[in-house]
PDB file of N, CA and C in Angstrom:
ATOM      1  N   MET A   1       9.779  28.744  15.655  1.00  0.00           N
ATOM      2  CA  MET A   1      10.333  27.961  14.594  1.00  0.00           C
ATOM      3  C   MET A   1       9.359  27.632  13.468  1.00  0.00           C
ATOM      4  N   LYS A   2       9.672  27.812  12.237  1.00  0.00           N
ATOM      5  CA  LYS A   2       8.708  27.687  11.170  1.00  0.00           C
ATOM      6  C   LYS A   2       8.639  26.146  10.769  1.00  0.00           C
ATOM      7  N   ARG A   3       7.359  25.686  10.663  1.00  0.00           N
ATOM      8  CA  ARG A   3       7.144  24.317  10.231  1.00  0.00           C
ATOM      9  C   ARG A   3       7.457  24.035   8.730  1.00  0.00           C
ATOM     10  N   PRO A   4       8.095  22.985   8.409  1.00  0.00           N
ATOM     11  CA  PRO A   4       8.408  22.807   7.035  1.00  0.00           C
ATOM     12  C   PRO A   4       7.087  22.397   6.208  1.00  0.00           C
ATOM     13  N   ALA A   5       6.974  22.806   5.019  1.00  0.00           N
ATOM     14  CA  ALA A   5       5.879  22.490   3.993  1.00  0.00           C
ATOM     15  C   ALA A   5       5.730  20.946   3.929  1.00  0.00           C
ATOM     16  N   LYS A   6       4.506  20.494   3.867  1.00  0.00           N
ATOM     17  CA  LYS A   6       4.338  19.138   3.627  1.00  0.00           C
ATOM     18  C   LYS A   6       4.681  18.752   2.217  1.00  0.00           C
ATOM     19  N   ALA A   7       5.355  17.529   2.070  1.00  0.00           N
ATOM     20  CA  ALA A   7       5.865  17.049   0.771  1.00  0.00           C
ATOM     21  C   ALA A   7       4.667  16.954  -0.243  1.00  0.00           C
ATOM     22  N   VAL A   8       3.580  16.445   0.176  1.00  0.00           N
ATOM     23  CA  VAL A   8       2.452  16.183  -0.691  1.00  0.00           C
ATOM     24  C   VAL A   8       1.204  16.638   0.016  1.00  0.00           C
ATOM     25  N   PRO A   9       0.949  17.866   0.058  1.00  0.00           N
ATOM     26  CA  PRO A   9      -0.249  18.410   0.822  1.00  0.00           C
ATOM     27  C   PRO A   9      -1.566  17.919   0.420  1.00  0.00           C
ATOM     28  N   GLU A  10      -1.744  17.464  -0.856  1.00  0.00           N
ATOM     29  CA  GLU A  10      -2.964  17.071  -1.226  1.00  0.00           C
ATOM     30  C   GLU A  10      -3.397  15.652  -0.621  1.00  0.00           C
ATOM     31  N   VAL A  11      -2.363  14.939  -0.153  1.00  0.00           N
ATOM     32  CA  VAL A  11      -2.699  13.721   0.569  1.00  0.00           C
ATOM     33  C   VAL A  11      -3.571  13.844   1.882  1.00  0.00           C
ATOM     34  N   ALA A  12      -3.462  14.949   2.494  1.00  0.00           N
ATOM     35  CA  ALA A  12      -4.212  15.158   3.654  1.00  0.00           C
ATOM     36  C   ALA A  12      -5.710  15.344   3.332  1.00  0.00           C
ATOM     37  N   LYS A  13      -6.054  15.601   2.078  1.00  0.00           N
ATOM     38  CA  LYS A  13      -7.448  15.731   1.717  1.00  0.00           C
ATOM     39  C   LYS A  13      -8.101  14.479   1.235  1.00  0.00           C
ATOM     40  N   VAL A  14      -7.392  13.432   1.133  1.00  0.00           N
ATOM     41  CA  VAL A  14      -7.868  12.102   0.607  1.00  0.00           C
ATOM     42  C   VAL A  14      -8.597  11.291   1.741  1.00  0.00           C
ATOM     43  N   ASN A  15      -9.742  10.998   1.549  1.00  0.00           N
ATOM     44  CA  ASN A  15     -10.525  10.135   2.525  1.00  0.00           C
ATOM     45  C   ASN A  15      -9.925   8.751   2.519  1.00  0.00           C
ATOM     46  N   GLU A  16      -9.857   8.275   3.641  1.00  0.00           N
ATOM     47  CA  GLU A  16      -9.349   6.801   3.901  1.00  0.00           C
ATOM     48  C   GLU A  16     -10.479   5.793   3.600  1.00  0.00           C
ATOM     49  N   ALA A  17     -10.145   4.765   2.910  1.00  0.00           N
ATOM     50  CA  ALA A  17     -11.057   3.697   2.614  1.00  0.00           C
ATOM     51  C   ALA A  17     -11.542   3.055   3.924  1.00  0.00           C
ATOM     52  N   PRO A  18     -12.837   2.688   4.002  1.00  0.00           N
ATOM     53  CA  PRO A  18     -13.359   2.061   5.240  1.00  0.00           C
ATOM     54  C   PRO A  18     -12.524   0.851   5.747  1.00  0.00           C
ATOM     55  N   TRP A  19     -12.128  -0.015   4.835  1.00  0.00           N
ATOM     56  CA  TRP A  19     -11.417  -1.265   5.193  1.00  0.00           C
ATOM     57  C   TRP A  19     -10.017  -0.862   5.822  1.00  0.00           C
ATOM     58  N   LEU A  20      -9.404   0.202   5.357  1.00  0.00           N
ATOM     59  CA  LEU A  20      -8.041   0.740   5.828  1.00  0.00           C
ATOM     60  C   LEU A  20      -8.311   1.276   7.225  1.00  0.00           C
ATOM     61  N   HIS A  21      -9.314   1.977   7.461  1.00  0.00           N
ATOM     62  CA  HIS A  21      -9.749   2.587   8.755  1.00  0.00           C
ATOM     63  C   HIS A  21      -9.961   1.417   9.690  1.00  0.00           C
ATOM     64  N   GLU A  22     -10.713   0.384   9.339  1.00  0.00           N
ATOM     65  CA  GLU A  22     -10.950  -0.816  10.120  1.00  0.00           C
ATOM     66  C   GLU A  22      -9.704  -1.532  10.461  1.00  0.00           C
ATOM     67  N   MET A  23      -8.772  -1.649   9.528  1.00  0.00           N
ATOM     68  CA  MET A  23      -7.434  -2.271   9.766  1.00  0.00           C
ATOM     69  C   MET A  23      -6.640  -1.481  10.832  1.00  0.00           C
ATOM     70  N   ARG A  24      -6.612  -0.165  10.706  1.00  0.00           N
ATOM     71  CA  ARG A  24      -5.935   0.689  11.720  1.00  0.00           C
ATOM     72  C   ARG A  24      -6.534   0.570  13.106  1.00  0.00           C
ATOM     73  N   GLU A  25      -7.905   0.535  13.140  1.00  0.00           N
ATOM     74  CA  GLU A  25      -8.579   0.443  14.387  1.00  0.00           C
ATOM     75  C   GLU A  25      -8.354  -0.942  15.097  1.00  0.00           C
ATOM     76  N   HIS A  26      -8.214  -1.962  14.259  1.00  0.00           N
ATOM     77  CA  HIS A  26      -7.959  -3.367  14.837  1.00  0.00           C
ATOM     78  C   HIS A  26      -6.633  -3.414  15.299  1.00  0.00           C
ATOM     79  N   PHE A  27      -5.645  -2.722  14.689  1.00  0.00           N
ATOM     80  CA  PHE A  27      -4.294  -2.751  15.072  1.00  0.00           C
ATOM     81  C   PHE A  27      -4.125  -1.992  16.448  1.00  0.00           C
ATOM     82  N   ALA A  28      -4.755  -0.855  16.521  1.00  0.00           N
ATOM     83  CA  ALA A  28      -4.768  -0.010  17.668  1.00  0.00           C
ATOM     84  C   ALA A  28      -5.381  -0.791  18.951  1.00  0.00           C
ATOM     85  N   THR A  29      -6.287  -1.582  18.649  1.00  0.00           N
ATOM     86  CA  THR A  29      -6.928  -2.392  19.701  1.00  0.00           C
ATOM     87  C   THR A  29      -6.213  -3.653  20.200  1.00  0.00           C
ATOM     88  N   THR A  30      -5.746  -4.311  19.164  1.00  0.00           N
ATOM     89  CA  THR A  30      -5.106  -5.618  19.483  1.00  0.00           C
ATOM     90  C   THR A  30      -3.530  -5.681  19.351  1.00  0.00           C
ATOM     91  N   GLY A  31      -2.963  -4.729  18.633  1.00  0.00           N
ATOM     92  CA  GLY A  31      -1.496  -4.683  18.497  1.00  0.00           C
ATOM     93  C   GLY A  31      -1.020  -5.537  17.401  1.00  0.00           C
ATOM     94  N   HIS A  32      -1.936  -6.041  16.545  1.00  0.00           N
ATOM     95  CA  HIS A  32      -1.532  -6.798  15.375  1.00  0.00           C
ATOM     96  C   HIS A  32      -2.471  -6.617  14.182  1.00  0.00           C
ATOM     97  N   TYR A  33      -1.916  -7.027  13.006  1.00  0.00           N
ATOM     98  CA  TYR A  33      -2.884  -6.920  11.785  1.00  0.00           C
ATOM     99  C   TYR A  33      -3.433  -8.293  11.539  1.00  0.00           C
ATOM    100  N   ARG A  34      -4.685  -8.369  11.033  1.00  0.00           N
ATOM    101  CA  ARG A  34      -5.195  -9.476  10.526  1.00  0.00           C
ATOM    102  C   ARG A  34      -4.650  -9.847   9.240  1.00  0.00           C
ATOM    103  N   ALA A  35      -4.452 -11.240   9.046  1.00  0.00           N
ATOM    104  CA  ALA A  35      -3.917 -11.809   7.772  1.00  0.00           C
ATOM    105  C   ALA A  35      -4.564 -11.176   6.531  1.00  0.00           C
ATOM    106  N   GLN A  36      -5.996 -11.064   6.604  1.00  0.00           N
ATOM    107  CA  GLN A  36      -6.622 -10.749   5.351  1.00  0.00           C
ATOM    108  C   GLN A  36      -6.337  -9.244   5.043  1.00  0.00           C
ATOM    109  N   ASP A  37      -6.036  -8.466   6.064  1.00  0.00           N
ATOM    110  CA  ASP A  37      -5.752  -6.968   5.768  1.00  0.00           C
ATOM    111  C   ASP A  37      -4.311  -6.914   5.208  1.00  0.00           C
ATOM    112  N   VAL A  38      -3.441  -7.687   5.757  1.00  0.00           N
ATOM    113  CA  VAL A  38      -2.070  -7.677   5.272  1.00  0.00           C
ATOM    114  C   VAL A  38      -1.986  -8.035   3.789  1.00  0.00           C
ATOM    115  N   ARG A  39      -2.722  -9.191   3.429  1.00  0.00           N
ATOM    116  CA  ARG A  39      -2.843  -9.592   1.977  1.00  0.00           C
ATOM    117  C   ARG A  39      -3.395  -8.513   1.141  1.00  0.00           C
ATOM    118  N   ARG A  40      -4.367  -7.756   1.707  1.00  0.00           N
ATOM    119  CA  ARG A  40      -4.982  -6.707   0.837  1.00  0.00           C
ATOM    120  C   ARG A  40      -4.016  -5.573   0.604  1.00  0.00           C
ATOM    121  N   VAL A  41      -3.180  -5.332   1.533  1.00  0.00           N
ATOM    122  CA  VAL A  41      -2.212  -4.213   1.380  1.00  0.00           C
ATOM    123  C   VAL A  41      -1.014  -4.680   0.522  1.00  0.00           C
ATOM    124  N   LEU A  42      -0.454  -5.850   0.860  1.00  0.00           N
ATOM    125  CA  LEU A  42       0.815  -6.291   0.171  1.00  0.00           C
ATOM    126  C   LEU A  42       0.521  -7.185  -1.070  1.00  0.00           C
ATOM    127  N   GLY A  43      -0.562  -7.743  -1.096  1.00  0.00           N
ATOM    128  CA  GLY A  43      -0.904  -8.731  -2.278  1.00  0.00           C
ATOM    129  C   GLY A  43      -0.700 -10.127  -1.694  1.00  0.00           C
ATOM    130  N   ASN A  44      -1.111 -11.138  -2.353  1.00  0.00           N
ATOM    131  CA  ASN A  44      -0.911 -12.539  -2.127  1.00  0.00           C
ATOM    132  C   ASN A  44       0.480 -12.843  -2.146  1.00  0.00           C
ATOM    133  N   PRO A  45       1.101 -13.348  -0.981  1.00  0.00           N
ATOM    134  CA  PRO A  45       2.591 -13.713  -1.100  1.00  0.00           C
ATOM    135  C   PRO A  45       2.791 -14.910  -2.018  1.00  0.00           C
ATOM    136  N   TRP A  46       1.854 -15.613  -2.348  1.00  0.00           N
ATOM    137  CA  TRP A  46       2.035 -16.928  -3.111  1.00  0.00           C
ATOM    138  C   TRP A  46       2.035 -16.554  -4.669  1.00  0.00           C
ATOM    139  N   ASP A  47       1.656 -15.304  -5.045  1.00  0.00           N
ATOM    140  CA  ASP A  47       1.695 -14.918  -6.423  1.00  0.00           C
ATOM    141  C   ASP A  47       3.041 -14.499  -6.802  1.00  0.00           C
ATOM    142  N   ARG A  48       3.523 -15.057  -7.827  1.00  0.00           N
ATOM    143  CA  ARG A  48       4.893 -14.648  -8.322  1.00  0.00           C
ATOM    144  C   ARG A  48       4.820 -13.450  -9.209  1.00  0.00           C
ATOM    145  N   VAL A  49       5.746 -12.511  -9.038  1.00  0.00           N
ATOM    146  CA  VAL A  49       5.703 -11.214  -9.910  1.00  0.00           C
ATOM    147  C   VAL A  49       7.005 -11.173 -10.714  1.00  0.00           C
ATOM    148  N   GLU A  50       6.799 -11.003 -12.056  1.00  0.00           N
ATOM    149  CA  GLU A  50       7.955 -10.968 -12.963  1.00  0.00           C
ATOM    150  C   GLU A  50       8.143  -9.549 -13.331  1.00  0.00           C
ATOM    151  N   VAL A  51       9.391  -9.170 -13.400  1.00  0.00           N
ATOM    152  CA  VAL A  51       9.824  -7.868 -13.750  1.00  0.00           C
ATOM    153  C   VAL A  51      10.691  -8.011 -14.960  1.00  0.00           C
ATOM    154  N   ALA A  52      10.397  -7.102 -15.996  1.00  0.00           N
ATOM    155  CA  ALA A  52      11.240  -7.176 -17.231  1.00  0.00           C
ATOM    156  C   ALA A  52      11.499  -5.738 -17.550  1.00  0.00           C
ATOM    157  N   ASN A  53      12.655  -5.536 -17.989  1.00  0.00           N
ATOM    158  CA  ASN A  53      13.217  -4.204 -18.510  1.00  0.00           C
ATOM    159  C   ASN A  53      13.383  -4.246 -20.069  1.00  0.00           C
ATOM    160  N   LYS A  54      12.521  -3.663 -20.709  1.00  0.00           N
ATOM    161  CA  LYS A  54      12.692  -3.658 -22.195  1.00  0.00           C
ATOM    162  C   LYS A  54      13.362  -2.400 -22.608  1.00  0.00           C
ATOM    163  N   ASP A  55      14.198  -2.565 -23.719  1.00  0.00           N
ATOM    164  CA  ASP A  55      14.923  -1.483 -24.148  1.00  0.00           C
ATOM    165  C   ASP A  55      14.167  -0.331 -24.631  1.00  0.00           C
ATOM    166  N   ASP A  56      13.013  -0.658 -25.252  1.00  0.00           N
ATOM    167  CA  ASP A  56      12.166   0.457 -25.904  1.00  0.00           C
ATOM    168  C   ASP A  56      10.993   0.897 -24.866  1.00  0.00           C
ATOM    169  N   GLY A  57      11.018   0.547 -23.659  1.00  0.00           N
ATOM    170  CA  GLY A  57       9.907   0.956 -22.779  1.00  0.00           C
ATOM    171  C   GLY A  57      10.304   0.890 -21.311  1.00  0.00           C
ATOM    172  N   PRO A  58       9.315   1.337 -20.388  1.00  0.00           N
ATOM    173  CA  PRO A  58       9.670   1.452 -19.022  1.00  0.00           C
ATOM    174  C   PRO A  58       9.670   0.036 -18.335  1.00  0.00           C
ATOM    175  N   LEU A  59      10.136   0.101 -17.094  1.00  0.00           N
ATOM    176  CA  LEU A  59      10.171  -1.145 -16.315  1.00  0.00           C
ATOM    177  C   LEU A  59       8.737  -1.574 -16.048  1.00  0.00           C
ATOM    178  N   MET A  60       8.534  -2.833 -16.376  1.00  0.00           N
ATOM    179  CA  MET A  60       7.102  -3.402 -16.188  1.00  0.00           C
ATOM    180  C   MET A  60       7.031  -4.594 -15.226  1.00  0.00           C
ATOM    181  N   SER A  61       5.905  -4.725 -14.536  1.00  0.00           N
ATOM    182  CA  SER A  61       5.843  -5.963 -13.695  1.00  0.00           C
ATOM    183  C   SER A  61       4.323  -6.499 -13.849  1.00  0.00           C
ATOM    184  N   ARG A  62       4.184  -7.621 -13.453  1.00  0.00           N
ATOM    185  CA  ARG A  62       2.834  -8.229 -13.515  1.00  0.00           C
ATOM    186  C   ARG A  62       2.760  -9.537 -12.697  1.00  0.00           C
ATOM    187  N   VAL A  63       1.636  -9.956 -12.446  1.00  0.00           N
ATOM    188  CA  VAL A  63       1.529 -11.234 -11.565  1.00  0.00           C
ATOM    189  C   VAL A  63       1.422 -12.346 -12.682  1.00  0.00           C
ATOM    190  N   ALA A  64       2.440 -13.209 -12.452  1.00  0.00           N
ATOM    191  CA  ALA A  64       2.442 -14.392 -13.431  1.00  0.00           C
ATOM    192  C   ALA A  64       1.359 -15.339 -13.117  1.00  0.00           C
ATOM    193  N   SER A  65       0.863 -16.059 -14.121  1.00  0.00           N
ATOM    194  CA  SER A  65      -0.165 -17.058 -13.911  1.00  0.00           C
ATOM    195  C   SER A  65       0.350 -18.453 -14.176  1.00  0.00           C
TER     196      SER A  65
END
């Protein structure tokens, strides 16, 4: 059986950031993610994000202050 081609083959060539590797190792060891790692991946849950669709431009988002 022939294996399907990877959707994005260049992704395999990207080196993982050290903090991401540490996050994966911590999860493999403990079974959970640390809060600071989740915030780094997802962003601060307390920051509000506004999304606006302008007629003359693309969809835009930003962290509101």
